Amino acid sequence: MAFSLSNSTILSSFRSRFQGEGPDHILRRGYHIELGAREKALLEEDPALKRFKSYKKSVKQASKIGNVLTILAIAACSYEILAVAVSK
């Protein structure tokens, strides 16, 4: 009985802490502030940097080629190991 009483006291303290809309909650929430001219300029797309942009399709294709080359290298190494083991 004492365990359930202390358990309910702990739960009620958590509930009261997270349900309260006190001044602390308002300060932690923050406010929406409109972006200034500098922030908007920084978020705009820069045409000078466009050529350095990585495109998903080419990255995916390079990844597939890398995976195939890795599999081929592992297969070649394992074939050599098997060939040496069989010849002994």
PDB file of N, CA and C in Angstrom:
ATOM      1  N   MET A   1       0.821  -1.193   0.000  1.00  0.00           N
ATOM      2  CA  MET A   1       0.000   0.000   0.000  1.00  0.00           C
ATOM      3  C   MET A   1       0.868   1.262   0.000  1.00  0.00           C
ATOM      4  N   ALA A   2       1.915   1.230   0.804  1.00  0.00           N
ATOM      5  CA  ALA A   2       2.798   2.394   0.864  1.00  0.00           C
ATOM      6  C   ALA A   2       3.502   2.594  -0.472  1.00  0.00           C
ATOM      7  N   PHE A   3       3.821   1.508  -1.150  1.00  0.00           N
ATOM      8  CA  PHE A   3       4.482   1.606  -2.457  1.00  0.00           C
ATOM      9  C   PHE A   3       3.568   2.271  -3.475  1.00  0.00           C
ATOM     10  N   SER A   4       2.308   1.879  -3.526  1.00  0.00           N
ATOM     11  CA  SER A   4       1.383   2.474  -4.493  1.00  0.00           C
ATOM     12  C   SER A   4       1.114   3.939  -4.164  1.00  0.00           C
ATOM     13  N   LEU A   5       1.121   4.286  -2.872  1.00  0.00           N
ATOM     14  CA  LEU A   5       0.915   5.679  -2.481  1.00  0.00           C
ATOM     15  C   LEU A   5       2.083   6.541  -2.943  1.00  0.00           C
ATOM     16  N   SER A   6       3.314   6.064  -2.730  1.00  0.00           N
ATOM     17  CA  SER A   6       4.469   6.846  -3.148  1.00  0.00           C
ATOM     18  C   SER A   6       4.553   6.894  -4.672  1.00  0.00           C
ATOM     19  N   ASN A   7       4.150   5.828  -5.321  1.00  0.00           N
ATOM     20  CA  ASN A   7       4.152   5.777  -6.773  1.00  0.00           C
ATOM     21  C   ASN A   7       3.171   6.806  -7.345  1.00  0.00           C
ATOM     22  N   SER A   8       1.991   6.899  -6.766  1.00  0.00           N
ATOM     23  CA  SER A   8       1.009   7.855  -7.260  1.00  0.00           C
ATOM     24  C   SER A   8       1.442   9.287  -6.970  1.00  0.00           C
ATOM     25  N   THR A   9       2.168   9.491  -5.880  1.00  0.00           N
ATOM     26  CA  THR A   9       2.665  10.828  -5.565  1.00  0.00           C
ATOM     27  C   THR A   9       3.697  11.263  -6.598  1.00  0.00           C
ATOM     28  N   ILE A  10       4.556  10.351  -6.987  1.00  0.00           N
ATOM     29  CA  ILE A  10       5.566  10.669  -8.000  1.00  0.00           C
ATOM     30  C   ILE A  10       4.900  10.982  -9.330  1.00  0.00           C
ATOM     31  N   LEU A  11       3.917  10.163  -9.711  1.00  0.00           N
ATOM     32  CA  LEU A  11       3.229  10.396 -10.974  1.00  0.00           C
ATOM     33  C   LEU A  11       2.477  11.720 -10.979  1.00  0.00           C
ATOM     34  N   SER A  12       1.849  12.057  -9.861  1.00  0.00           N
ATOM     35  CA  SER A  12       1.111  13.312  -9.815  1.00  0.00           C
ATOM     36  C   SER A  12       2.054  14.513  -9.885  1.00  0.00           C
ATOM     37  N   SER A  13       3.254  14.377  -9.303  1.00  0.00           N
ATOM     38  CA  SER A  13       4.200  15.494  -9.380  1.00  0.00           C
ATOM     39  C   SER A  13       4.684  15.690 -10.814  1.00  0.00           C
ATOM     40  N   PHE A  14       4.886  14.570 -11.557  1.00  0.00           N
ATOM     41  CA  PHE A  14       5.267  14.687 -12.967  1.00  0.00           C
ATOM     42  C   PHE A  14       4.142  15.318 -13.777  1.00  0.00           C
ATOM     43  N   ARG A  15       2.913  14.894 -13.519  1.00  0.00           N
ATOM     44  CA  ARG A  15       1.777  15.443 -14.248  1.00  0.00           C
ATOM     45  C   ARG A  15       1.645  16.938 -14.011  1.00  0.00           C
ATOM     46  N   SER A  16       1.766  17.358 -12.766  1.00  0.00           N
ATOM     47  CA  SER A  16       1.609  18.775 -12.466  1.00  0.00           C
ATOM     48  C   SER A  16       2.750  19.592 -13.063  1.00  0.00           C
ATOM     49  N   ARG A  17       3.927  18.993 -13.161  1.00  0.00           N
ATOM     50  CA  ARG A  17       5.067  19.714 -13.721  1.00  0.00           C
ATOM     51  C   ARG A  17       4.898  19.930 -15.224  1.00  0.00           C
ATOM     52  N   PHE A  18       4.423  18.912 -15.956  1.00  0.00           N
ATOM     53  CA  PHE A  18       4.337  19.019 -17.400  1.00  0.00           C
ATOM     54  C   PHE A  18       3.025  19.611 -17.894  1.00  0.00           C
ATOM     55  N   GLN A  19       1.997  19.661 -17.065  1.00  0.00           N
ATOM     56  CA  GLN A  19       0.724  20.221 -17.497  1.00  0.00           C
ATOM     57  C   GLN A  19       0.641  21.714 -17.231  1.00  0.00           C
ATOM     58  N   GLY A  20       1.468  22.211 -16.356  1.00  0.00           N
ATOM     59  CA  GLY A  20       1.389  23.617 -15.975  1.00  0.00           C
ATOM     60  C   GLY A  20       1.750  24.546 -17.109  1.00  0.00           C
ATOM     61  N   GLU A  21       1.026  25.611 -17.236  1.00  0.00           N
ATOM     62  CA  GLU A  21       1.304  26.630 -18.238  1.00  0.00           C
ATOM     63  C   GLU A  21       1.800  27.877 -17.518  1.00  0.00           C
ATOM     64  N   GLY A  22       2.811  27.705 -16.715  1.00  0.00           N
ATOM     65  CA  GLY A  22       3.353  28.818 -15.948  1.00  0.00           C
ATOM     66  C   GLY A  22       4.256  29.694 -16.790  1.00  0.00           C
ATOM     67  N   PRO A  23       4.849  30.717 -16.180  1.00  0.00           N
ATOM     68  CA  PRO A  23       5.728  31.630 -16.915  1.00  0.00           C
ATOM     69  C   PRO A  23       6.994  30.934 -17.434  1.00  0.00           C
ATOM     70  N   ASP A  24       7.443  29.870 -16.742  1.00  0.00           N
ATOM     71  CA  ASP A  24       8.624  29.143 -17.221  1.00  0.00           C
ATOM     72  C   ASP A  24       8.336  28.487 -18.564  1.00  0.00           C
ATOM     73  N   HIS A  25       7.124  27.966 -18.701  1.00  0.00           N
ATOM     74  CA  HIS A  25       6.742  27.299 -19.952  1.00  0.00           C
ATOM     75  C   HIS A  25       6.733  28.297 -21.109  1.00  0.00           C
ATOM     76  N   ILE A  26       6.268  29.486 -20.873  1.00  0.00           N
ATOM     77  CA  ILE A  26       6.203  30.506 -21.920  1.00  0.00           C
ATOM     78  C   ILE A  26       7.607  30.923 -22.344  1.00  0.00           C
ATOM     79  N   LEU A  27       8.523  31.060 -21.403  1.00  0.00           N
ATOM     80  CA  LEU A  27       9.881  31.470 -21.732  1.00  0.00           C
ATOM     81  C   LEU A  27      10.617  30.390 -22.530  1.00  0.00           C
ATOM     82  N   ARG A  28      10.386  29.121 -22.219  1.00  0.00           N
ATOM     83  CA  ARG A  28      11.064  28.050 -22.939  1.00  0.00           C
ATOM     84  C   ARG A  28      10.501  27.863 -24.340  1.00  0.00           C
ATOM     85  N   ARG A  29       9.272  28.256 -24.551  1.00  0.00           N
ATOM     86  CA  ARG A  29       8.609  28.012 -25.824  1.00  0.00           C
ATOM     87  C   ARG A  29       9.185  28.871 -26.931  1.00  0.00           C
ATOM     88  N   GLY A  30       9.541  30.072 -26.648  1.00  0.00           N
ATOM     89  CA  GLY A  30      10.097  30.963 -27.655  1.00  0.00           C
ATOM     90  C   GLY A  30       9.008  31.662 -28.448  1.00  0.00           C
ATOM     91  N   TYR A  31       9.399  32.600 -29.274  1.00  0.00           N
ATOM     92  CA  TYR A  31       8.464  33.380 -30.054  1.00  0.00           C
ATOM     93  C   TYR A  31       8.888  33.344 -31.508  1.00  0.00           C
ATOM     94  N   HIS A  32       7.904  33.489 -32.396  1.00  0.00           N
ATOM     95  CA  HIS A  32       8.214  33.542 -33.813  1.00  0.00           C
ATOM     96  C   HIS A  32       8.697  34.941 -34.155  1.00  0.00           C
ATOM     97  N   ILE A  33       9.872  35.014 -34.771  1.00  0.00           N
ATOM     98  CA  ILE A  33      10.435  36.297 -35.166  1.00  0.00           C
ATOM     99  C   ILE A  33      10.655  36.243 -36.669  1.00  0.00           C
ATOM    100  N   GLU A  34      10.206  37.248 -37.354  1.00  0.00           N
ATOM    101  CA  GLU A  34      10.369  37.312 -38.807  1.00  0.00           C
ATOM    102  C   GLU A  34      11.852  37.459 -39.141  1.00  0.00           C
ATOM    103  N   LEU A  35      12.294  36.764 -40.197  1.00  0.00           N
ATOM    104  CA  LEU A  35      13.694  36.836 -40.606  1.00  0.00           C
ATOM    105  C   LEU A  35      14.022  38.208 -41.161  1.00  0.00           C
ATOM    106  N   GLY A  36      15.237  38.641 -40.892  1.00  0.00           N
ATOM    107  CA  GLY A  36      15.693  39.914 -41.406  1.00  0.00           C
ATOM    108  C   GLY A  36      16.215  39.776 -42.825  1.00  0.00           C
ATOM    109  N   ALA A  37      16.671  40.875 -43.391  1.00  0.00           N
ATOM    110  CA  ALA A  37      17.157  40.874 -44.772  1.00  0.00           C
ATOM    111  C   ALA A  37      18.406  40.005 -44.905  1.00  0.00           C
ATOM    112  N   ARG A  38      19.294  40.043 -43.918  1.00  0.00           N
ATOM    113  CA  ARG A  38      20.530  39.268 -43.987  1.00  0.00           C
ATOM    114  C   ARG A  38      20.234  37.763 -43.940  1.00  0.00           C
ATOM    115  N   GLU A  39      19.328  37.358 -43.052  1.00  0.00           N
ATOM    116  CA  GLU A  39      18.982  35.946 -42.946  1.00  0.00           C
ATOM    117  C   GLU A  39      18.322  35.450 -44.228  1.00  0.00           C
ATOM    118  N   LYS A  40      17.438  36.270 -44.796  1.00  0.00           N
ATOM    119  CA  LYS A  40      16.789  35.885 -46.044  1.00  0.00           C
ATOM    120  C   LYS A  40      17.802  35.758 -47.175  1.00  0.00           C
ATOM    121  N   ALA A  41      18.787  36.663 -47.212  1.00  0.00           N
ATOM    122  CA  ALA A  41      19.821  36.599 -48.248  1.00  0.00           C
ATOM    123  C   ALA A  41      20.676  35.353 -48.082  1.00  0.00           C
ATOM    124  N   LEU A  42      20.950  34.970 -46.846  1.00  0.00           N
ATOM    125  CA  LEU A  42      21.757  33.771 -46.599  1.00  0.00           C
ATOM    126  C   LEU A  42      21.022  32.496 -46.982  1.00  0.00           C
ATOM    127  N   LEU A  43      19.697  32.494 -46.892  1.00  0.00           N
ATOM    128  CA  LEU A  43      18.912  31.312 -47.210  1.00  0.00           C
ATOM    129  C   LEU A  43      18.599  31.178 -48.698  1.00  0.00           C
ATOM    130  N   GLU A  44      18.827  32.233 -49.467  1.00  0.00           N
ATOM    131  CA  GLU A  44      18.566  32.173 -50.903  1.00  0.00           C
ATOM    132  C   GLU A  44      19.597  31.286 -51.591  1.00  0.00           C
ATOM    133  N   GLU A  45      19.202  30.725 -52.743  1.00  0.00           N
ATOM    134  CA  GLU A  45      20.094  29.870 -53.511  1.00  0.00           C
ATOM    135  C   GLU A  45      21.120  30.735 -54.240  1.00  0.00           C
ATOM    136  N   ASP A  46      22.392  30.363 -54.136  1.00  0.00           N
ATOM    137  CA  ASP A  46      23.476  31.119 -54.758  1.00  0.00           C
ATOM    138  C   ASP A  46      23.842  30.474 -56.097  1.00  0.00           C
ATOM    139  N   PRO A  47      23.695  31.191 -57.211  1.00  0.00           N
ATOM    140  CA  PRO A  47      23.993  30.600 -58.516  1.00  0.00           C
ATOM    141  C   PRO A  47      25.477  30.241 -58.676  1.00  0.00           C
ATOM    142  N   ALA A  48      26.382  30.923 -57.976  1.00  0.00           N
ATOM    143  CA  ALA A  48      27.806  30.624 -58.085  1.00  0.00           C
ATOM    144  C   ALA A  48      28.139  29.259 -57.485  1.00  0.00           C
ATOM    145  N   LEU A  49      27.340  28.806 -56.529  1.00  0.00           N
ATOM    146  CA  LEU A  49      27.595  27.524 -55.874  1.00  0.00           C
ATOM    147  C   LEU A  49      26.828  26.377 -56.515  1.00  0.00           C
ATOM    148  N   LYS A  50      26.032  26.664 -57.524  1.00  0.00           N
ATOM    149  CA  LYS A  50      25.179  25.641 -58.121  1.00  0.00           C
ATOM    150  C   LYS A  50      25.983  24.504 -58.750  1.00  0.00           C
ATOM    151  N   ARG A  51      27.172  24.799 -59.307  1.00  0.00           N
ATOM    152  CA  ARG A  51      27.959  23.749 -59.950  1.00  0.00           C
ATOM    153  C   ARG A  51      28.564  22.774 -58.949  1.00  0.00           C
ATOM    154  N   PHE A  52      28.641  23.155 -57.680  1.00  0.00           N
ATOM    155  CA  PHE A  52      29.165  22.264 -56.651  1.00  0.00           C
ATOM    156  C   PHE A  52      28.082  21.407 -56.010  1.00  0.00           C
ATOM    157  N   LYS A  53      26.841  21.638 -56.426  1.00  0.00           N
ATOM    158  CA  LYS A  53      25.715  20.931 -55.829  1.00  0.00           C
ATOM    159  C   LYS A  53      25.743  19.461 -56.239  1.00  0.00           C
ATOM    160  N   SER A  54      25.546  18.601 -55.270  1.00  0.00           N
ATOM    161  CA  SER A  54      25.527  17.162 -55.531  1.00  0.00           C
ATOM    162  C   SER A  54      24.104  16.763 -55.919  1.00  0.00           C
ATOM    163  N   TYR A  55      23.987  16.060 -57.007  1.00  0.00           N
ATOM    164  CA  TYR A  55      22.677  15.626 -57.457  1.00  0.00           C
ATOM    165  C   TYR A  55      22.434  14.201 -57.014  1.00  0.00           C
ATOM    166  N   LYS A  56      21.236  13.932 -56.559  1.00  0.00           N
ATOM    167  CA  LYS A  56      20.899  12.626 -55.994  1.00  0.00           C
ATOM    168  C   LYS A  56      21.110  11.497 -56.992  1.00  0.00           C
ATOM    169  N   LYS A  57      20.749  11.720 -58.236  1.00  0.00           N
ATOM    170  CA  LYS A  57      20.838  10.657 -59.225  1.00  0.00           C
ATOM    171  C   LYS A  57      22.289  10.240 -59.456  1.00  0.00           C
ATOM    172  N   SER A  58      23.184  11.219 -59.598  1.00  0.00           N
ATOM    173  CA  SER A  58      24.584  10.878 -59.844  1.00  0.00           C
ATOM    174  C   SER A  58      25.232  10.271 -58.606  1.00  0.00           C
ATOM    175  N   VAL A  59      24.847  10.723 -57.431  1.00  0.00           N
ATOM    176  CA  VAL A  59      25.388  10.154 -56.196  1.00  0.00           C
ATOM    177  C   VAL A  59      24.924   8.715 -56.034  1.00  0.00           C
ATOM    178  N   LYS A  60      23.669   8.459 -56.346  1.00  0.00           N
ATOM    179  CA  LYS A  60      23.127   7.103 -56.249  1.00  0.00           C
ATOM    180  C   LYS A  60      23.828   6.177 -57.248  1.00  0.00           C
ATOM    181  N   GLN A  61      24.076   6.669 -58.454  1.00  0.00           N
ATOM    182  CA  GLN A  61      24.747   5.865 -59.470  1.00  0.00           C
ATOM    183  C   GLN A  61      26.192   5.567 -59.049  1.00  0.00           C
ATOM    184  N   ALA A  62      26.888   6.541 -58.509  1.00  0.00           N
ATOM    185  CA  ALA A  62      28.260   6.318 -58.049  1.00  0.00           C
ATOM    186  C   ALA A  62      28.290   5.325 -56.895  1.00  0.00           C
ATOM    187  N   SER A  63      27.298   5.390 -56.042  1.00  0.00           N
ATOM    188  CA  SER A  63      27.212   4.447 -54.930  1.00  0.00           C
ATOM    189  C   SER A  63      27.003   3.025 -55.431  1.00  0.00           C
ATOM    190  N   LYS A  64      26.145   2.860 -56.423  1.00  0.00           N
ATOM    191  CA  LYS A  64      25.909   1.529 -56.997  1.00  0.00           C
ATOM    192  C   LYS A  64      27.169   0.980 -57.656  1.00  0.00           C
ATOM    193  N   ILE A  65      27.886   1.836 -58.381  1.00  0.00           N
ATOM    194  CA  ILE A  65      29.127   1.404 -59.027  1.00  0.00           C
ATOM    195  C   ILE A  65      30.149   0.992 -57.967  1.00  0.00           C
ATOM    196  N   GLY A  66      30.241   1.749 -56.895  1.00  0.00           N
ATOM    197  CA  GLY A  66      31.152   1.411 -55.804  1.00  0.00           C
ATOM    198  C   GLY A  66      30.788   0.082 -55.162  1.00  0.00           C
ATOM    199  N   ASN A  67      29.499  -0.153 -54.967  1.00  0.00           N
ATOM    200  CA  ASN A  67      29.055  -1.429 -54.389  1.00  0.00           C
ATOM    201  C   ASN A  67      29.412  -2.607 -55.290  1.00  0.00           C
ATOM    202  N   VAL A  68      29.218  -2.447 -56.608  1.00  0.00           N
ATOM    203  CA  VAL A  68      29.536  -3.514 -57.555  1.00  0.00           C
ATOM    204  C   VAL A  68      31.040  -3.789 -57.556  1.00  0.00           C
ATOM    205  N   LEU A  69      31.838  -2.736 -57.560  1.00  0.00           N
ATOM    206  CA  LEU A  69      33.292  -2.919 -57.536  1.00  0.00           C
ATOM    207  C   LEU A  69      33.756  -3.598 -56.250  1.00  0.00           C
ATOM    208  N   THR A  70      33.137  -3.278 -55.138  1.00  0.00           N
ATOM    209  CA  THR A  70      33.480  -3.925 -53.865  1.00  0.00           C
ATOM    210  C   THR A  70      33.150  -5.406 -53.911  1.00  0.00           C
ATOM    211  N   ILE A  71      31.986  -5.728 -54.430  1.00  0.00           N
ATOM    212  CA  ILE A  71      31.587  -7.144 -54.528  1.00  0.00           C
ATOM    213  C   ILE A  71      32.532  -7.902 -55.457  1.00  0.00           C
ATOM    214  N   LEU A  72      32.911  -7.289 -56.580  1.00  0.00           N
ATOM    215  CA  LEU A  72      33.840  -7.932 -57.504  1.00  0.00           C
ATOM    216  C   LEU A  72      35.204  -8.155 -56.860  1.00  0.00           C
ATOM    217  N   ALA A  73      35.687  -7.179 -56.105  1.00  0.00           N
ATOM    218  CA  ALA A  73      36.988  -7.315 -55.446  1.00  0.00           C
ATOM    219  C   ALA A  73      36.951  -8.429 -54.402  1.00  0.00           C
ATOM    220  N   ILE A  74      35.878  -8.507 -53.639  1.00  0.00           N
ATOM    221  CA  ILE A  74      35.751  -9.563 -52.625  1.00  0.00           C
ATOM    222  C   ILE A  74      35.645 -10.924 -53.305  1.00  0.00           C
ATOM    223  N   ALA A  75      34.905 -11.002 -54.397  1.00  0.00           N
ATOM    224  CA  ALA A  75      34.772 -12.270 -55.120  1.00  0.00           C
ATOM    225  C   ALA A  75      36.118 -12.710 -55.690  1.00  0.00           C
ATOM    226  N   ALA A  76      36.882 -11.778 -56.246  1.00  0.00           N
ATOM    227  CA  ALA A  76      38.190 -12.116 -56.804  1.00  0.00           C
ATOM    228  C   ALA A  76      39.140 -12.596 -55.713  1.00  0.00           C
ATOM    229  N   CYS A  77      39.132 -11.923 -54.568  1.00  0.00           N
ATOM    230  CA  CYS A  77      40.003 -12.338 -53.453  1.00  0.00           C
ATOM    231  C   CYS A  77      39.610 -13.716 -52.939  1.00  0.00           C
ATOM    232  N   SER A  78      38.320 -13.953 -52.795  1.00  0.00           N
ATOM    233  CA  SER A  78      37.881 -15.252 -52.288  1.00  0.00           C
ATOM    234  C   SER A  78      38.162 -16.353 -53.312  1.00  0.00           C
ATOM    235  N   TYR A  79      38.076 -16.023 -54.617  1.00  0.00           N
ATOM    236  CA  TYR A  79      38.403 -17.018 -55.653  1.00  0.00           C
ATOM    237  C   TYR A  79      39.889 -17.398 -55.572  1.00  0.00           C
ATOM    238  N   GLU A  80      40.745 -16.390 -55.382  1.00  0.00           N
ATOM    239  CA  GLU A  80      42.179 -16.649 -55.259  1.00  0.00           C
ATOM    240  C   GLU A  80      42.478 -17.504 -54.023  1.00  0.00           C
ATOM    241  N   ILE A  81      41.815 -17.198 -52.922  1.00  0.00           N
ATOM    242  CA  ILE A  81      42.029 -17.965 -51.680  1.00  0.00           C
ATOM    243  C   ILE A  81      41.591 -19.408 -51.898  1.00  0.00           C
ATOM    244  N   LEU A  82      40.443 -19.615 -52.547  1.00  0.00           N
ATOM    245  CA  LEU A  82      39.964 -20.974 -52.814  1.00  0.00           C
ATOM    246  C   LEU A  82      40.876 -21.718 -53.782  1.00  0.00           C
ATOM    247  N   ALA A  83      41.399 -21.004 -54.790  1.00  0.00           N
ATOM    248  CA  ALA A  83      42.286 -21.630 -55.770  1.00  0.00           C
ATOM    249  C   ALA A  83      43.575 -22.093 -55.097  1.00  0.00           C
ATOM    250  N   VAL A  84      44.101 -21.310 -54.169  1.00  0.00           N
ATOM    251  CA  VAL A  84      45.321 -21.676 -53.451  1.00  0.00           C
ATOM    252  C   VAL A  84      45.045 -22.851 -52.521  1.00  0.00           C
ATOM    253  N   ALA A  85      43.898 -22.849 -51.863  1.00  0.00           N
ATOM    254  CA  ALA A  85      43.556 -23.916 -50.932  1.00  0.00           C
ATOM    255  C   ALA A  85      43.330 -25.244 -51.646  1.00  0.00           C
ATOM    256  N   VAL A  86      42.741 -25.197 -52.830  1.00  0.00           N
ATOM    257  CA  VAL A  86      42.472 -26.412 -53.589  1.00  0.00           C
ATOM    258  C   VAL A  86      43.768 -26.987 -54.176  1.00  0.00           C
ATOM    259  N   SER A  87      44.684 -26.122 -54.585  1.00  0.00           N
ATOM    260  CA  SER A  87      45.928 -26.587 -55.208  1.00  0.00           C
ATOM    261  C   SER A  87      46.891 -27.236 -54.210  1.00  0.00           C
ATOM    262  N   LYS A  88      46.706 -27.015 -52.927  1.00  0.00           N
ATOM    263  CA  LYS A  88      47.595 -27.617 -51.919  1.00  0.00           C
ATOM    264  C   LYS A  88      47.264 -29.028 -51.688  1.00  0.00           C
TER     265      LYS A  88
END
